[in-house]
């Protein structure tokens, strides 16, 4: 059985990755954030601290998150997983 812990905000993700998103990216991600990890609907995401992972409600949402974060990949202080 896998155990996932945490409910990171967009600001906490930025701090952990050591990146600075644009205001528009931060706003878009904040609007898509789901605080309830047990039911993540399509168009929403939840970020776990352990393991450091963004779980998305659908593949399409995962692609949106990937497209926002990908340009920062060379600046990231650590790895993050994106799943759906």
Protein backbone atom coordinates (compact mmCIF):
# COMPACT_ATOMS: atom_id res chain seq x y z
CA UNK A 1 0.00 0.00 0.00
CA UNK A 2 1.42 3.39 -1.00
CA UNK A 3 1.33 6.27 1.45
CA UNK A 4 1.22 9.87 0.25
CA UNK A 5 1.58 12.81 2.62
CA UNK A 6 1.12 16.54 2.22
CA UNK A 7 -0.93 19.22 0.57
CA UNK A 8 1.49 21.73 -0.94
CA UNK A 9 0.40 25.09 -2.31
CA UNK A 10 1.75 26.67 -5.49
CA UNK A 11 4.06 28.88 -3.41
CA UNK A 12 5.39 25.86 -1.53
CA UNK A 13 6.04 24.07 -4.83
CA UNK A 14 7.95 27.10 -6.11
CA UNK A 15 10.03 27.20 -2.92
CA UNK A 16 10.78 23.48 -3.02
CA UNK A 17 11.78 23.60 -6.70
CA UNK A 18 13.57 26.95 -6.26
CA UNK A 19 11.75 28.49 -9.24
CA UNK A 20 9.68 31.63 -9.72
CA UNK A 21 6.56 31.26 -11.86
CA UNK A 22 4.94 34.17 -13.63
CA UNK A 23 1.90 35.72 -11.97
CA UNK A 24 -0.31 34.20 -14.69
CA UNK A 25 1.14 30.70 -14.21
CA UNK A 26 0.80 30.97 -10.43
CA UNK A 27 -2.81 32.16 -10.76
CA UNK A 28 -3.73 29.40 -13.23
CA UNK A 29 -2.21 26.71 -11.02
CA UNK A 30 -3.90 28.11 -7.91
CA UNK A 31 -7.31 27.97 -9.60
CA UNK A 32 -6.71 24.31 -10.51
CA UNK A 33 -5.57 23.21 -7.03
CA UNK A 34 -7.65 20.59 -5.20
CA UNK A 35 -7.10 20.36 -1.44
CA UNK A 36 -8.90 17.02 -1.06
CA UNK A 37 -6.49 14.27 -2.13
CA UNK A 38 -9.07 11.49 -2.00
CA UNK A 39 -11.05 12.81 -4.98
CA UNK A 40 -9.16 14.87 -7.58
CA UNK A 41 -11.56 15.82 -10.39
CA UNK A 42 -10.66 16.47 -14.01
CA UNK A 43 -9.02 19.87 -14.37
CA UNK A 44 -7.63 19.82 -10.82
CA UNK A 45 -4.37 18.74 -9.13
CA UNK A 46 -3.05 17.98 -5.65
CA UNK A 47 0.62 18.14 -4.66
CA UNK A 48 2.04 15.70 -2.14
CA UNK A 49 5.14 16.44 -0.11
CA UNK A 50 6.11 12.77 0.32
CA UNK A 51 6.67 11.68 -2.35
CA UNK A 52 7.09 15.07 -4.06
CA UNK A 53 4.42 14.58 -6.68
CA UNK A 54 1.61 16.47 -8.39
CA UNK A 55 -1.34 14.13 -8.86
CA UNK A 56 -3.78 15.30 -11.52
CA UNK A 57 -7.41 14.41 -12.12
CA UNK A 58 -6.77 13.56 -15.77
CA UNK A 59 -4.07 13.13 -18.38
CA UNK A 60 -5.05 16.44 -19.95
CA UNK A 61 -4.52 18.22 -16.62
CA UNK A 62 -1.14 16.53 -16.22
CA UNK A 63 -0.11 17.83 -19.65
CA UNK A 64 -1.12 21.38 -18.67
CA UNK A 65 0.95 21.15 -15.47
CA UNK A 66 3.89 19.67 -17.39
CA UNK A 67 3.72 22.46 -19.97
CA UNK A 68 3.78 25.10 -17.22
CA UNK A 69 6.71 23.54 -15.34
CA UNK A 70 8.83 22.23 -18.24
CA UNK A 71 10.47 25.58 -19.13
CA UNK A 72 11.85 25.72 -15.56
CA UNK A 73 13.28 22.19 -15.54
CA UNK A 74 16.92 23.28 -15.83
CA UNK A 75 16.48 25.62 -12.85
CA UNK A 76 14.74 23.14 -10.54
CA UNK A 77 16.53 22.30 -7.30
CA UNK A 78 15.03 18.79 -7.23
CA UNK A 79 12.85 16.43 -9.22
CA UNK A 80 9.06 16.43 -9.14
CA UNK A 81 6.72 13.77 -10.49
CA UNK A 82 3.47 14.47 -12.30
CA UNK A 83 0.87 11.72 -12.43
CA UNK A 84 -2.81 11.21 -13.15
